[in-house]
Amino acid sequence: MLVEFGKANLLEKARQKPDQVKQVINKIKTDGLTSTLETVRTKLEQTIPLGYCNYGTVLESGVDEFSVGDRVVSNGPHAEIVRVPEKLAVRVPDNISGDEAVFTVIGSIGLQGIRLIKPTYGETIVVVGLGLVGLITIQLLKGAGVNVISIDVDEKKCKLAKSLGIDSLNSSIEDPTKSVLNLTNGIGADGVIITAATKSNDIISQAAHMTRKQGRIILVGVVGLNINRSDFYEKELTFQVSCSYGAGRYDESYEQKGIDYPLPYVRWTEKRNFEAILTSISNGTLKVKDLITEKIKFEDAHKIYDNIGKNNSIASILLYPEKHGKGNALST
């Protein structure tokens, strides 16, 4: 979305951000046209760092937890050198390659959705949307002893899910609600995790219809939210939006100042979710190598963004030149 916005002309930018256009109009009324124009131009000219999943080695450390030369992952942006706070980086186990470790942060997005839906052993959870987050989510659920049903409109992604041993439905050729009801003996799913991205309201409606009474729906992705009250009222469904990597996200005291949440009271922070993902990769519960579509050199990075939405890419790894120490920096 950021890439598309950056390529758009001023008129298209305005169409994509109607709420901000209203703010501009209000500012013109209060501050005048000249002042507002300068503010808008400054805002539009600001560069926005892209990416949030990287792997590399520590060059300098100001905390006791990390030492120079440590292999780490963090949510820093795509860059040859990144500076990240202590709570947003974790050390990589020796048996995990850089190619695998770089999935840690984005994997935590799926994991946080699982934390919120609170599945119990033997329950049936549906995952709608088999992009990278969805493909990670279904594996983590399977590893937790959950019966998983995955749904997507792309047959290749459905086949990939099946190759991971997970039931998959192609919603472009079959009714996903009927299929889920058939697979659950008419009961419906215990919960649905939505990892899809669409402006349509169809997915949230389908999720309500395929979920049993008192079921749970968690939104990890971005979909239309014009909710039909009766769909949720009659079944007393629970709906919640998941926020990124977990507890601590967007909390300045946690992320920037390094003030941790006490583990007995907040078991899973974003950093502890990072560590849990690495454990799942280490023990084989989460397999990510098959999700890598391509590896691109840094100087060819534009090819990744040029191809967004044009191919069947799942995960691209950006390779940085080795300049500052052993091992390349890798970023998905």
Protein backbone atom coordinates (compact mmCIF):
# COMPACT_ATOMS: atom_id res chain seq x y z
CA MET A 1 0.00 0.00 0.00
CA LEU A 2 2.86 2.40 0.78
CA VAL A 3 4.48 1.66 -2.56
CA GLU A 4 1.25 2.32 -4.47
CA PHE A 5 0.71 5.54 -2.54
CA GLY A 6 4.25 6.71 -3.28
CA LYS A 7 3.81 6.17 -7.02
CA ALA A 8 0.46 8.00 -7.17
CA ASN A 9 0.07 11.60 -8.37
CA LEU A 10 -1.30 14.28 -6.02
CA LEU A 11 -4.92 13.76 -7.12
CA GLU A 12 -4.72 10.01 -6.62
CA LYS A 13 -3.05 10.50 -3.23
CA ALA A 14 -6.00 12.67 -2.22
CA ARG A 15 -8.46 10.00 -3.36
CA GLN A 16 -6.65 7.38 -1.29
CA LYS A 17 -6.67 9.52 1.87
CA PRO A 18 -10.12 11.21 2.11
CA ASP A 19 -9.86 11.68 5.88
CA GLN A 20 -6.58 13.53 5.53
CA VAL A 21 -8.06 15.71 2.77
CA LYS A 22 -10.70 16.83 5.26
CA GLN A 23 -7.93 17.69 7.73
CA VAL A 24 -6.22 19.78 5.05
CA ILE A 25 -9.44 21.66 4.31
CA ASN A 26 -9.94 22.39 7.99
CA LYS A 27 -6.34 23.58 8.29
CA ILE A 28 -6.83 25.96 5.36
CA LYS A 29 -9.80 27.47 7.18
CA THR A 30 -7.81 28.02 10.37
CA ASP A 31 -4.21 28.62 9.20
CA GLY A 32 -4.61 29.88 5.65
CA LEU A 33 -3.65 28.47 2.25
CA THR A 34 0.07 29.31 2.22
CA SER A 35 0.83 27.76 5.61
CA THR A 36 -1.21 24.67 4.78
CA LEU A 37 0.48 24.23 1.39
CA GLU A 38 3.94 24.32 2.98
CA THR A 39 2.90 21.74 5.59
CA VAL A 40 1.41 19.39 2.98
CA ARG A 41 4.47 19.62 0.71
CA THR A 42 6.80 18.90 3.61
CA LYS A 43 4.73 15.87 4.59
CA LEU A 44 4.59 14.47 1.06
CA GLU A 45 8.34 14.87 0.58
CA GLN A 46 9.19 12.92 3.72
CA THR A 47 10.77 9.54 3.02
CA ILE A 48 9.21 6.49 4.65
CA PRO A 49 11.46 3.53 5.52
CA LEU A 50 10.07 0.32 4.01
CA GLY A 51 10.14 -3.14 5.54
CA TYR A 52 10.25 -4.48 9.08
CA CYS A 53 11.87 -7.93 8.94
CA ASN A 54 15.63 -8.25 8.95
CA TYR A 55 18.51 -10.47 9.98
CA GLY A 56 22.17 -9.61 10.46
CA THR A 57 25.04 -9.42 12.92
CA VAL A 58 25.58 -6.97 15.75
CA LEU A 59 28.14 -4.25 14.96
CA GLU A 60 27.79 -2.31 18.22
CA SER A 61 25.79 -2.91 21.40
CA GLY A 62 24.84 -0.64 24.25
CA VAL A 63 23.10 -3.33 26.32
CA ASP A 64 24.31 -6.44 28.14
CA GLU A 65 22.02 -8.84 26.27
CA PHE A 66 23.82 -8.55 22.93
CA SER A 67 27.48 -8.69 21.95
CA VAL A 68 29.32 -7.72 18.78
CA GLY A 69 29.05 -10.55 16.27
CA ASP A 70 25.77 -11.97 17.59
CA ARG A 71 23.35 -13.12 14.91
CA VAL A 72 20.04 -11.33 15.47
CA VAL A 73 16.67 -10.56 13.94
CA SER A 74 14.77 -7.33 14.41
CA ASN A 75 11.89 -5.28 13.07
CA GLY A 76 14.21 -2.62 11.68
CA PRO A 77 13.56 -1.28 8.16
CA HIS A 78 15.33 -2.41 4.99
CA ALA A 79 18.84 -0.98 5.29
CA GLU A 80 22.45 -2.10 5.43
CA ILE A 81 22.77 -0.79 8.98
CA VAL A 82 19.84 -0.48 11.36
CA ARG A 83 19.61 0.74 14.94
CA VAL A 84 16.92 -0.96 16.99
CA PRO A 85 15.91 -0.95 20.67
CA GLU A 86 16.68 -3.94 22.88
CA LYS A 87 13.08 -5.17 23.03
CA LEU A 88 12.76 -5.34 19.26
CA ALA A 89 15.68 -7.69 18.61
CA VAL A 90 16.39 -11.30 19.55
CA ARG A 91 19.38 -13.62 19.19
CA VAL A 92 19.15 -16.37 16.56
CA PRO A 93 19.85 -20.00 17.61
CA ASP A 94 22.84 -21.65 15.94
CA ASN A 95 20.73 -24.24 14.09
CA ILE A 96 18.66 -21.61 12.25
CA SER A 97 19.91 -20.09 9.00
CA GLY A 98 19.57 -16.42 8.18
CA ASP A 99 17.07 -17.28 5.44
CA GLU A 100 14.85 -18.90 8.07
CA ALA A 101 15.40 -16.42 10.88
CA VAL A 102 14.25 -13.48 8.80
CA PHE A 103 10.66 -14.80 9.02
CA THR A 104 10.60 -14.20 12.78
CA VAL A 105 8.96 -10.80 12.90
CA ILE A 106 6.28 -11.40 10.30
CA GLY A 107 5.63 -14.80 11.88
CA SER A 108 4.88 -13.03 15.14
CA ILE A 109 2.01 -11.20 13.45
CA GLY A 110 0.33 -14.54 12.79
CA LEU A 111 1.24 -15.81 16.24
CA GLN A 112 -0.41 -12.84 17.93
CA GLY A 113 -3.66 -13.65 16.11
CA ILE A 114 -3.43 -17.16 17.52
CA ARG A 115 -2.79 -15.79 21.03
CA LEU A 116 -6.02 -13.80 20.79
CA ILE A 117 -8.21 -16.61 19.48
CA LYS A 118 -6.94 -18.90 22.30
CA PRO A 119 -7.39 -22.26 20.56
CA THR A 120 -7.62 -25.44 22.59
CA TYR A 121 -6.43 -28.88 21.54
CA GLY A 122 -8.85 -30.47 19.05
CA GLU A 123 -10.72 -27.31 18.09
CA THR A 124 -11.25 -26.38 14.45
CA ILE A 125 -9.87 -23.02 13.37
CA VAL A 126 -10.29 -21.59 9.88
CA VAL A 127 -7.62 -19.31 8.41
CA VAL A 128 -8.82 -17.11 5.55
CA GLY A 129 -6.06 -15.79 3.31
CA LEU A 130 -2.93 -17.74 2.39
CA GLY A 131 -0.41 -15.01 1.95
CA LEU A 132 2.81 -15.21 3.93
CA VAL A 133 1.15 -14.49 7.29
CA GLY A 134 -1.60 -17.00 6.59
CA LEU A 135 0.80 -19.76 5.56
CA ILE A 136 2.76 -19.26 8.76
CA THR A 137 -0.40 -19.13 10.87
CA ILE A 138 -1.75 -22.47 9.65
CA GLN A 139 1.52 -24.21 10.51
CA LEU A 140 1.61 -22.77 14.02
CA LEU A 141 -2.01 -23.81 14.61
CA LYS A 142 -1.32 -27.33 13.38
CA GLY A 143 1.66 -27.53 15.73
CA ALA A 144 -0.65 -26.59 18.60
CA GLY A 145 -2.91 -29.60 17.99
CA VAL A 146 -5.65 -27.67 16.23
CA ASN A 147 -7.70 -28.92 13.28
CA VAL A 148 -6.95 -26.31 10.62
CA ILE A 149 -8.94 -25.41 7.52
CA SER A 150 -7.36 -22.87 5.19
CA ILE A 151 -9.14 -20.79 2.54
CA ASP A 152 -7.86 -18.78 -0.42
CA VAL A 153 -8.83 -17.85 -3.98
CA ASP A 154 -5.42 -18.88 -5.37
CA GLU A 155 -5.20 -22.57 -6.24
CA LYS A 156 -1.38 -22.57 -6.02
CA LYS A 157 -1.51 -21.35 -2.44
CA CYS A 158 -4.20 -23.89 -1.61
CA LYS A 159 -1.95 -26.65 -2.98
CA LEU A 160 0.95 -25.32 -0.91
CA ALA A 161 -1.21 -25.50 2.22
CA LYS A 162 -2.18 -29.07 1.35
CA SER A 163 1.49 -29.96 0.92
CA LEU A 164 1.92 -28.86 4.54
CA GLY A 165 -0.75 -31.39 5.56
CA ILE A 166 -3.55 -28.87 6.03
CA ASP A 167 -7.07 -28.96 4.54
CA SER A 168 -7.53 -26.15 2.04
CA LEU A 169 -10.55 -24.74 0.20
CA ASN A 170 -10.50 -22.65 -2.97
CA SER A 171 -13.25 -20.11 -2.39
CA SER A 172 -13.26 -19.15 -6.07
CA ILE A 173 -14.65 -22.57 -7.05
CA GLU A 174 -16.57 -23.72 -3.95
CA ASP A 175 -18.72 -22.20 -1.22
CA PRO A 176 -16.37 -21.95 1.76
CA THR A 177 -19.17 -21.72 4.31
CA LYS A 178 -20.85 -24.92 3.12
CA SER A 179 -17.51 -26.70 2.93
CA VAL A 180 -16.54 -25.70 6.48
CA LEU A 181 -19.92 -26.84 7.79
CA ASN A 182 -19.49 -30.18 5.98
CA LEU A 183 -16.00 -30.65 7.42
CA THR A 184 -17.27 -29.92 10.94
CA ASN A 185 -20.38 -32.14 10.78
CA GLY A 186 -22.64 -29.12 10.64
CA ILE A 187 -21.25 -27.56 13.83
CA GLY A 188 -19.16 -24.81 12.29
CA ALA A 189 -15.64 -23.70 13.11
CA ASP A 190 -14.70 -22.83 16.67
CA GLY A 191 -12.95 -19.76 15.36
CA VAL A 192 -11.77 -17.92 12.26
CA ILE A 193 -8.53 -16.00 11.81
CA ILE A 194 -8.65 -13.60 8.87
CA THR A 195 -5.24 -12.97 7.31
CA ALA A 196 -6.58 -11.72 3.98
CA ALA A 197 -6.39 -8.23 2.49
CA THR A 198 -9.43 -6.92 0.61
CA LYS A 199 -11.86 -4.02 0.74
CA SER A 200 -14.79 -6.41 0.37
CA ASN A 201 -17.12 -7.15 3.29
CA ASP A 202 -17.70 -10.71 2.05
CA ILE A 203 -14.96 -12.29 4.16
CA ILE A 204 -16.19 -10.97 7.50
CA SER A 205 -19.72 -12.07 6.57
CA GLN A 206 -18.55 -15.55 5.56
CA ALA A 207 -16.52 -15.83 8.75
CA ALA A 208 -19.65 -15.19 10.81
CA HIS A 209 -21.67 -17.74 8.85
CA MET A 210 -19.08 -20.52 9.10
CA THR A 211 -18.43 -20.05 12.84
CA ARG A 212 -20.39 -21.92 15.51
CA LYS A 213 -22.43 -20.18 18.17
CA GLN A 214 -20.18 -18.49 20.78
CA GLY A 215 -17.31 -18.72 18.30
CA ARG A 216 -14.43 -16.28 17.88
CA ILE A 217 -13.26 -14.22 14.91
CA ILE A 218 -9.85 -12.52 14.87
CA LEU A 219 -8.84 -10.03 12.20
CA VAL A 220 -5.11 -10.03 11.47
CA GLY A 221 -5.34 -8.70 7.91
CA VAL A 222 -7.31 -5.82 6.42
CA VAL A 223 -10.86 -6.39 5.16
CA GLY A 224 -14.12 -4.51 4.80
CA LEU A 225 -15.88 -4.22 8.16
CA ASN A 226 -19.47 -3.43 7.27
CA ILE A 227 -20.71 -5.98 9.80
CA ASN A 228 -24.24 -7.35 9.74
CA ARG A 229 -25.35 -7.14 13.36
CA SER A 230 -27.71 -10.11 13.15
CA ASP A 231 -24.90 -12.42 12.00
CA PHE A 232 -23.00 -11.69 15.21
CA TYR A 233 -25.98 -11.17 17.53
CA GLU A 234 -27.73 -14.48 16.90
CA LYS A 235 -24.58 -16.51 17.50
CA GLU A 236 -23.10 -14.23 20.19
CA LEU A 237 -19.84 -14.17 18.26
CA THR A 238 -16.70 -12.52 19.60
CA PHE A 239 -14.77 -10.27 17.21
CA GLN A 240 -11.35 -8.74 17.85
CA VAL A 241 -8.67 -6.99 15.79
CA SER A 242 -5.11 -8.20 16.36
CA CYS A 243 -2.37 -5.59 16.76
CA SER A 244 0.91 -6.47 15.09
CA TYR A 245 3.47 -8.56 17.01
CA GLY A 246 1.93 -8.62 20.48
CA ALA A 247 1.86 -6.84 23.82
CA GLY A 248 4.17 -3.85 23.90
CA ARG A 249 3.60 -2.81 20.30
CA TYR A 250 3.44 0.98 19.95
CA ASP A 251 4.12 1.41 23.68
CA GLU A 252 7.04 3.85 23.88
CA SER A 253 7.95 2.76 27.41
CA TYR A 254 8.36 -0.83 26.23
CA GLU A 255 9.78 -0.40 22.74
CA GLN A 256 12.00 2.66 23.11
CA LYS A 257 12.82 2.74 26.82
CA GLY A 258 13.12 -1.03 27.27
CA ILE A 259 10.74 -1.29 30.24
CA ASP A 260 9.51 -4.88 30.11
CA TYR A 261 6.08 -6.15 31.12
CA PRO A 262 6.36 -8.58 34.08
CA LEU A 263 6.20 -12.11 32.69
CA PRO A 264 3.83 -13.47 35.37
CA TYR A 265 1.25 -10.88 34.32
CA VAL A 266 1.95 -10.49 30.59
CA ARG A 267 3.22 -13.85 29.36
CA TRP A 268 3.62 -12.95 25.70
CA THR A 269 5.15 -9.65 24.70
CA GLU A 270 6.26 -8.92 21.16
CA LYS A 271 9.85 -9.91 22.00
CA ARG A 272 8.74 -13.15 23.64
CA ASN A 273 6.62 -13.84 20.56
CA PHE A 274 9.76 -13.36 18.44
CA GLU A 275 11.52 -15.95 20.60
CA ALA A 276 8.59 -18.35 20.31
CA ILE A 277 8.69 -18.16 16.52
CA LEU A 278 12.40 -18.93 16.51
CA THR A 279 11.73 -21.92 18.75
CA SER A 280 9.10 -23.19 16.30
CA ILE A 281 11.53 -22.85 13.41
CA SER A 282 14.28 -24.52 15.42
CA ASN A 283 12.20 -27.57 16.35
CA GLY A 284 10.69 -27.97 12.89
CA THR A 285 7.12 -27.00 13.77
CA LEU A 286 7.33 -24.01 11.43
CA LYS A 287 8.85 -24.65 8.01
CA VAL A 288 9.66 -21.47 6.12
CA LYS A 289 12.23 -22.43 3.48
CA ASP A 290 9.52 -23.55 1.05
CA LEU A 291 7.89 -20.13 1.36
CA ILE A 292 10.89 -18.35 -0.17
CA THR A 293 10.07 -17.44 -3.76
CA GLU A 294 13.17 -15.48 -4.68
CA LYS A 295 16.39 -13.92 -3.44
CA ILE A 296 17.19 -10.48 -4.81
CA LYS A 297 20.43 -8.51 -4.58
CA PHE A 298 20.18 -5.08 -2.99
CA GLU A 299 20.88 -3.26 -6.27
CA ASP A 300 17.90 -5.05 -7.85
CA ALA A 301 15.51 -4.29 -4.97
CA HIS A 302 13.19 -2.28 -7.22
CA LYS A 303 12.24 -5.51 -9.00
CA ILE A 304 10.47 -6.74 -5.87
CA TYR A 305 8.28 -3.65 -5.69
CA ASP A 306 7.71 -3.57 -9.45
CA ASN A 307 6.37 -7.14 -9.29
CA ILE A 308 4.05 -6.68 -6.31
CA GLY A 309 0.65 -8.02 -7.32
CA LYS A 310 1.95 -9.22 -10.69
CA ASN A 311 3.25 -12.66 -9.79
CA ASN A 312 2.73 -15.48 -7.33
CA SER A 313 5.53 -14.41 -5.02
CA ILE A 314 5.11 -15.33 -1.36
CA ALA A 315 8.36 -14.22 0.25
CA SER A 316 11.28 -12.34 -1.29
CA ILE A 317 14.62 -12.11 0.46
CA LEU A 318 16.73 -9.01 -0.09
CA LEU A 319 20.48 -9.64 0.08
CA TYR A 320 22.81 -6.87 1.19
CA PRO A 321 26.51 -6.78 0.29
CA GLU A 322 28.88 -7.94 3.00
CA LYS A 323 30.70 -4.82 4.20
CA HIS A 324 30.55 -4.54 7.94
CA GLY A 325 31.14 -8.02 9.29
CA LYS A 326 30.61 -11.69 8.72
CA GLY A 327 27.39 -12.74 7.05
CA ASN A 328 24.99 -10.80 4.87
CA ALA A 329 22.06 -8.85 6.18
CA LEU A 330 18.85 -10.42 4.97
CA SER A 331 15.46 -8.78 4.80
CA THR A 332 12.13 -10.17 3.66
